[in-house]
Amino acid sequence: MKKNNNTNQVDPEEYTDETVSESKEKPTEKPVDYPTENFYFDHTKVSAPYVKIASKKAGKKGDVIVKYDIRLCQPNFECMDTDEVHTLKHFLSEIFYQSFKNVIDVSPNGSRTGFYITMFDGVAEETMAKVIVEAMQKIVTFSDANPIPFATETSCSSPKDHNLIKAKKRAMMFIGGIMSKGYQA
């Protein structure tokens, strides 16, 4: 993979423009301006919580980048507060970067209803769902006496914007939802 010498970023020319989607339902028209599956995925036809592959991009040299949609809240009905999202982000990042060597990014989605996990090659949705449930179980059992991972002024630009109580509650809701209905959207 070529990197730009000045920024250490991957050369975007190495990846195809075509996104390979695992989505079961698609609108008849895909907007050409949006390179991501999520902008043309019908958010009214899903039931959160769920885990799904949002997109796959194949590199010209055979590598594959997979983006997972980890949805914790029902789209168009609820969203998380920023302190809750922030706390979950810290935990999920720590857990995923320790569990997988091929993780590229763990980030909240803009609607604050879940997270995207992006990685090279990827794993099956069912495997990802199991790992997310295990991660949420770690959050639920995390001792309130311990500091939130990386929530310091040197590691975080907003270390006071955390809420472990809300994060634990959301983690329990995710686990309960996945256990009762499964991981599919």
C-alpha atoms as a PDB file:
ATOM      1  CA  MET A   1       0.000   0.000   0.000  1.00  0.00           C
ATOM      2  CA  LYS A   2       1.446   3.355  -1.015  1.00  0.00           C
ATOM      3  CA  LYS A   3       1.537   6.111   1.567  1.00  0.00           C
ATOM      4  CA  ASN A   4       1.726   9.812   0.964  1.00  0.00           C
ATOM      5  CA  ASN A   5       5.207  10.835   2.130  1.00  0.00           C
ATOM      6  CA  ASN A   6       4.016  14.063   3.702  1.00  0.00           C
ATOM      7  CA  THR A   7       0.975  12.813   5.625  1.00  0.00           C
ATOM      8  CA  ASN A   8       1.560   9.070   6.087  1.00  0.00           C
ATOM      9  CA  GLN A   9      -1.955   8.480   4.682  1.00  0.00           C
ATOM     10  CA  VAL A  10      -2.900   5.637   2.379  1.00  0.00           C
ATOM     11  CA  ASP A  11      -3.103   6.588  -1.276  1.00  0.00           C
ATOM     12  CA  PRO A  12      -6.831   6.657  -2.134  1.00  0.00           C
ATOM     13  CA  GLU A  13      -6.023   5.564  -5.698  1.00  0.00           C
ATOM     14  CA  GLU A  14      -5.286   2.085  -4.329  1.00  0.00           C
ATOM     15  CA  TYR A  15      -8.956   1.401  -3.586  1.00  0.00           C
ATOM     16  CA  THR A  16     -11.777   0.799  -6.008  1.00  0.00           C
ATOM     17  CA  ASP A  17     -14.722   3.158  -5.996  1.00  0.00           C
ATOM     18  CA  GLU A  18     -17.189   0.306  -5.881  1.00  0.00           C
ATOM     19  CA  THR A  19     -18.588  -0.530  -2.475  1.00  0.00           C
ATOM     20  CA  VAL A  20     -19.669  -4.122  -1.991  1.00  0.00           C
ATOM     21  CA  SER A  21     -22.687  -4.063   0.296  1.00  0.00           C
ATOM     22  CA  GLU A  22     -24.065  -6.832   2.468  1.00  0.00           C
ATOM     23  CA  SER A  23     -27.387  -5.010   2.851  1.00  0.00           C
ATOM     24  CA  LYS A  24     -30.456  -7.072   2.025  1.00  0.00           C
ATOM     25  CA  GLU A  25     -32.656  -4.164   0.987  1.00  0.00           C
ATOM     26  CA  LYS A  26     -31.681  -1.382  -1.342  1.00  0.00           C
ATOM     27  CA  PRO A  27     -33.594   1.570  -2.673  1.00  0.00           C
ATOM     28  CA  THR A  28     -33.990   1.574  -6.434  1.00  0.00           C
ATOM     29  CA  GLU A  29     -31.607   4.502  -6.861  1.00  0.00           C
ATOM     30  CA  LYS A  30     -28.238   4.876  -5.210  1.00  0.00           C
ATOM     31  CA  PRO A  31     -27.196   8.514  -4.835  1.00  0.00           C
ATOM     32  CA  VAL A  32     -23.941   8.983  -6.707  1.00  0.00           C
ATOM     33  CA  ASP A  33     -22.692  11.660  -4.313  1.00  0.00           C
ATOM     34  CA  TYR A  34     -22.508   9.359  -1.300  1.00  0.00           C
ATOM     35  CA  PRO A  35     -19.704   6.803  -1.157  1.00  0.00           C
ATOM     36  CA  THR A  36     -21.049   5.129   1.973  1.00  0.00           C
ATOM     37  CA  GLU A  37     -23.783   2.520   2.205  1.00  0.00           C
ATOM     38  CA  ASN A  38     -25.391   4.148   5.218  1.00  0.00           C
ATOM     39  CA  PHE A  39     -26.760   7.133   3.317  1.00  0.00           C
ATOM     40  CA  TYR A  40     -28.906   4.935   1.101  1.00  0.00           C
ATOM     41  CA  PHE A  41     -29.673   2.201   3.632  1.00  0.00           C
ATOM     42  CA  ASP A  42     -33.323   2.445   4.748  1.00  0.00           C
ATOM     43  CA  HIS A  43     -33.147   3.251   8.464  1.00  0.00           C
ATOM     44  CA  THR A  44     -36.918   2.786   8.871  1.00  0.00           C
ATOM     45  CA  LYS A  45     -36.722  -0.964   8.155  1.00  0.00           C
ATOM     46  CA  VAL A  46     -34.302  -2.043  10.875  1.00  0.00           C
ATOM     47  CA  SER A  47     -34.665  -3.063  14.481  1.00  0.00           C
ATOM     48  CA  ALA A  48     -31.872  -2.046  16.845  1.00  0.00           C
ATOM     49  CA  PRO A  49     -29.730  -3.245  18.369  1.00  0.00           C
ATOM     50  CA  TYR A  50     -27.946  -4.935  15.507  1.00  0.00           C
ATOM     51  CA  VAL A  51     -24.585  -5.650  13.933  1.00  0.00           C
ATOM     52  CA  LYS A  52     -24.193  -5.620  10.161  1.00  0.00           C
ATOM     53  CA  ILE A  53     -21.564  -5.149   7.544  1.00  0.00           C
ATOM     54  CA  ALA A  54     -22.189  -1.666   6.189  1.00  0.00           C
ATOM     55  CA  SER A  55     -19.664  -1.859   3.371  1.00  0.00           C
ATOM     56  CA  LYS A  56     -16.633  -3.581   1.937  1.00  0.00           C
ATOM     57  CA  LYS A  57     -14.047  -1.935  -0.250  1.00  0.00           C
ATOM     58  CA  ALA A  58     -11.619  -3.996  -2.258  1.00  0.00           C
ATOM     59  CA  GLY A  59      -8.138  -2.645  -2.850  1.00  0.00           C
ATOM     60  CA  LYS A  60      -6.409  -2.985  -6.187  1.00  0.00           C
ATOM     61  CA  LYS A  61      -3.826  -5.244  -4.553  1.00  0.00           C
ATOM     62  CA  GLY A  62      -6.367  -7.612  -3.047  1.00  0.00           C
ATOM     63  CA  ASP A  63      -6.797  -6.159   0.426  1.00  0.00           C
ATOM     64  CA  VAL A  64     -10.325  -5.618   1.737  1.00  0.00           C
ATOM     65  CA  ILE A  65     -11.579  -2.962   4.143  1.00  0.00           C
ATOM     66  CA  VAL A  66     -14.787  -3.847   5.993  1.00  0.00           C
ATOM     67  CA  LYS A  67     -16.956  -1.340   7.861  1.00  0.00           C
ATOM     68  CA  TYR A  68     -19.423  -2.620  10.462  1.00  0.00           C
ATOM     69  CA  ASP A  69     -22.528  -0.777  11.608  1.00  0.00           C
ATOM     70  CA  ILE A  70     -22.949  -1.442  15.337  1.00  0.00           C
ATOM     71  CA  ARG A  71     -26.360   0.045  16.115  1.00  0.00           C
ATOM     72  CA  LEU A  72     -27.265   0.523  19.761  1.00  0.00           C
ATOM     73  CA  CYS A  73     -30.314   2.798  19.417  1.00  0.00           C
ATOM     74  CA  GLN A  74     -33.363   2.563  17.163  1.00  0.00           C
ATOM     75  CA  PRO A  75     -32.812   5.019  14.281  1.00  0.00           C
ATOM     76  CA  ASN A  76     -35.217   7.975  14.198  1.00  0.00           C
ATOM     77  CA  PHE A  77     -36.477   7.263  17.749  1.00  0.00           C
ATOM     78  CA  GLU A  78     -33.585   7.733  20.151  1.00  0.00           C
ATOM     79  CA  CYS A  79     -29.938   8.654  20.332  1.00  0.00           C
ATOM     80  CA  MET A  80     -27.257   8.620  22.994  1.00  0.00           C
ATOM     81  CA  ASP A  81     -26.011  11.629  24.911  1.00  0.00           C
ATOM     82  CA  THR A  82     -22.469  12.704  24.061  1.00  0.00           C
ATOM     83  CA  ASP A  83     -21.042  11.679  27.446  1.00  0.00           C
ATOM     84  CA  GLU A  84     -22.481   8.175  26.966  1.00  0.00           C
ATOM     85  CA  VAL A  85     -21.134   7.906  23.404  1.00  0.00           C
ATOM     86  CA  HIS A  86     -17.755   9.207  24.532  1.00  0.00           C
ATOM     87  CA  THR A  87     -17.457   6.643  27.325  1.00  0.00           C
ATOM     88  CA  LEU A  88     -18.513   3.753  25.090  1.00  0.00           C
ATOM     89  CA  LYS A  89     -16.026   4.937  22.448  1.00  0.00           C
ATOM     90  CA  HIS A  90     -13.147   4.785  24.932  1.00  0.00           C
ATOM     91  CA  PHE A  91     -14.051   1.267  26.035  1.00  0.00           C
ATOM     92  CA  LEU A  92     -14.775  -0.093  22.558  1.00  0.00           C
ATOM     93  CA  SER A  93     -11.561   1.393  21.174  1.00  0.00           C
ATOM     94  CA  GLU A  94      -9.470  -0.129  23.930  1.00  0.00           C
ATOM     95  CA  ILE A  95     -11.132  -3.534  23.631  1.00  0.00           C
ATOM     96  CA  PHE A  96     -11.023  -3.693  19.821  1.00  0.00           C
ATOM     97  CA  TYR A  97      -7.456  -2.487  19.418  1.00  0.00           C
ATOM     98  CA  GLN A  98      -6.400  -5.143  21.955  1.00  0.00           C
ATOM     99  CA  SER A  99      -8.525  -7.903  20.396  1.00  0.00           C
ATOM    100  CA  PHE A 100      -7.779  -7.374  16.696  1.00  0.00           C
ATOM    101  CA  LYS A 101      -4.544  -6.355  15.012  1.00  0.00           C
ATOM    102  CA  ASN A 102      -6.391  -5.371  11.828  1.00  0.00           C
ATOM    103  CA  VAL A 103      -8.661  -2.638  13.266  1.00  0.00           C
ATOM    104  CA  ILE A 104      -8.427   0.661  11.424  1.00  0.00           C
ATOM    105  CA  ASP A 105     -10.949   2.731  13.387  1.00  0.00           C
ATOM    106  CA  VAL A 106     -13.678   2.620  16.024  1.00  0.00           C
ATOM    107  CA  SER A 107     -15.877   5.694  15.843  1.00  0.00           C
ATOM    108  CA  PRO A 108     -19.388   6.832  16.747  1.00  0.00           C
ATOM    109  CA  ASN A 109     -21.776   7.544  13.927  1.00  0.00           C
ATOM    110  CA  GLY A 110     -22.992  11.087  13.462  1.00  0.00           C
ATOM    111  CA  SER A 111     -26.533  10.367  14.603  1.00  0.00           C
ATOM    112  CA  ARG A 112     -25.260   9.064  17.970  1.00  0.00           C
ATOM    113  CA  THR A 113     -27.207   5.830  17.514  1.00  0.00           C
ATOM    114  CA  GLY A 114     -24.196   3.536  17.324  1.00  0.00           C
ATOM    115  CA  PHE A 115     -20.658   3.000  16.134  1.00  0.00           C
ATOM    116  CA  TYR A 116     -18.694   2.055  13.062  1.00  0.00           C
ATOM    117  CA  ILE A 117     -15.816  -0.360  13.332  1.00  0.00           C
ATOM    118  CA  THR A 118     -13.545  -0.445  10.314  1.00  0.00           C
ATOM    119  CA  MET A 119     -10.926  -3.128   9.788  1.00  0.00           C
ATOM    120  CA  PHE A 120      -8.843  -4.891   7.194  1.00  0.00           C
ATOM    121  CA  ASP A 121     -10.296  -8.220   6.010  1.00  0.00           C
ATOM    122  CA  GLY A 122     -13.027  -8.382   8.641  1.00  0.00           C
ATOM    123  CA  VAL A 123     -14.925 -11.220  10.266  1.00  0.00           C
ATOM    124  CA  ALA A 124     -18.442 -12.601   9.844  1.00  0.00           C
ATOM    125  CA  GLU A 125     -21.278 -10.485  11.255  1.00  0.00           C
ATOM    126  CA  GLU A 126     -22.069 -13.212  13.800  1.00  0.00           C
ATOM    127  CA  THR A 127     -18.461 -13.200  15.040  1.00  0.00           C
ATOM    128  CA  MET A 128     -18.483  -9.411  15.290  1.00  0.00           C
ATOM    129  CA  ALA A 129     -21.762  -9.550  17.231  1.00  0.00           C
ATOM    130  CA  LYS A 130     -20.242 -12.011  19.723  1.00  0.00           C
ATOM    131  CA  VAL A 131     -17.197  -9.774  20.203  1.00  0.00           C
ATOM    132  CA  ILE A 132     -19.408  -6.705  20.713  1.00  0.00           C
ATOM    133  CA  VAL A 133     -21.501  -8.560  23.308  1.00  0.00           C
ATOM    134  CA  GLU A 134     -18.296  -9.596  25.123  1.00  0.00           C
ATOM    135  CA  ALA A 135     -17.079  -5.984  24.997  1.00  0.00           C
ATOM    136  CA  MET A 136     -20.393  -4.745  26.386  1.00  0.00           C
ATOM    137  CA  GLN A 137     -20.179  -7.341  29.173  1.00  0.00           C
ATOM    138  CA  LYS A 138     -16.762  -5.931  30.112  1.00  0.00           C
ATOM    139  CA  ILE A 139     -18.269  -2.446  30.279  1.00  0.00           C
ATOM    140  CA  VAL A 140     -21.145  -3.634  32.484  1.00  0.00           C
ATOM    141  CA  THR A 141     -18.766  -5.333  34.932  1.00  0.00           C
ATOM    142  CA  PHE A 142     -16.192  -2.519  34.936  1.00  0.00           C
ATOM    143  CA  SER A 143     -15.599  -1.286  38.479  1.00  0.00           C
ATOM    144  CA  ASP A 144     -16.817   2.248  39.145  1.00  0.00           C
ATOM    145  CA  ALA A 145     -13.699   2.682  41.273  1.00  0.00           C
ATOM    146  CA  ASN A 146     -11.436   2.429  38.211  1.00  0.00           C
ATOM    147  CA  PRO A 147     -10.818   5.312  35.824  1.00  0.00           C
ATOM    148  CA  ILE A 148     -12.375   5.166  32.359  1.00  0.00           C
ATOM    149  CA  PRO A 149      -9.670   4.068  29.900  1.00  0.00           C
ATOM    150  CA  PHE A 150      -7.673   6.996  28.494  1.00  0.00           C
ATOM    151  CA  ALA A 151      -9.919   9.612  30.120  1.00  0.00           C
ATOM    152  CA  THR A 152      -7.021  11.880  31.052  1.00  0.00           C
ATOM    153  CA  GLU A 153      -6.050  15.325  29.839  1.00  0.00           C
ATOM    154  CA  THR A 154      -3.045  13.880  28.029  1.00  0.00           C
ATOM    155  CA  SER A 155      -5.018  11.127  26.232  1.00  0.00           C
ATOM    156  CA  CYS A 156      -8.411  12.772  25.689  1.00  0.00           C
ATOM    157  CA  SER A 157      -9.447  16.232  24.586  1.00  0.00           C
ATOM    158  CA  SER A 158     -12.563  16.139  26.771  1.00  0.00           C
ATOM    159  CA  PRO A 159     -11.855  13.870  29.767  1.00  0.00           C
ATOM    160  CA  LYS A 160     -14.706  15.252  31.882  1.00  0.00           C
ATOM    161  CA  ASP A 161     -17.335  14.441  29.235  1.00  0.00           C
ATOM    162  CA  HIS A 162     -17.920  10.815  30.302  1.00  0.00           C
ATOM    163  CA  ASN A 163     -20.740   8.951  31.975  1.00  0.00           C
ATOM    164  CA  LEU A 164     -20.035   5.380  33.066  1.00  0.00           C
ATOM    165  CA  ILE A 165     -23.546   4.880  34.460  1.00  0.00           C
ATOM    166  CA  LYS A 166     -25.174   5.672  31.101  1.00  0.00           C
ATOM    167  CA  ALA A 167     -22.588   3.586  29.237  1.00  0.00           C
ATOM    168  CA  LYS A 168     -23.264   0.586  31.468  1.00  0.00           C
ATOM    169  CA  LYS A 169     -27.016   0.977  31.009  1.00  0.00           C
ATOM    170  CA  ARG A 170     -26.642   1.159  27.220  1.00  0.00           C
ATOM    171  CA  ALA A 171     -24.330  -1.852  27.236  1.00  0.00           C
ATOM    172  CA  MET A 172     -26.937  -3.848  29.208  1.00  0.00           C
ATOM    173  CA  MET A 173     -29.652  -2.780  26.733  1.00  0.00           C
ATOM    174  CA  PHE A 174     -27.484  -3.893  23.804  1.00  0.00           C
ATOM    175  CA  ILE A 175     -26.759  -7.281  25.379  1.00  0.00           C
ATOM    176  CA  GLY A 176     -30.435  -7.825  26.224  1.00  0.00           C
ATOM    177  CA  GLY A 177     -31.567  -6.856  22.737  1.00  0.00           C
ATOM    178  CA  ILE A 178     -29.057  -9.080  20.961  1.00  0.00           C
ATOM    179  CA  MET A 179     -29.824 -12.020  23.268  1.00  0.00           C
ATOM    180  CA  SER A 180     -33.584 -11.691  22.711  1.00  0.00           C
ATOM    181  CA  LYS A 181     -33.771 -10.929  18.981  1.00  0.00           C
ATOM    182  CA  GLY A 182     -30.366 -11.845  17.544  1.00  0.00           C
ATOM    183  CA  TYR A 183     -27.818  -9.576  15.886  1.00  0.00           C
ATOM    184  CA  GLN A 184     -29.512  -9.013  12.499  1.00  0.00           C
ATOM    185  CA  ALA A 185     -30.970  -5.658  11.522  1.00  0.00           C
END
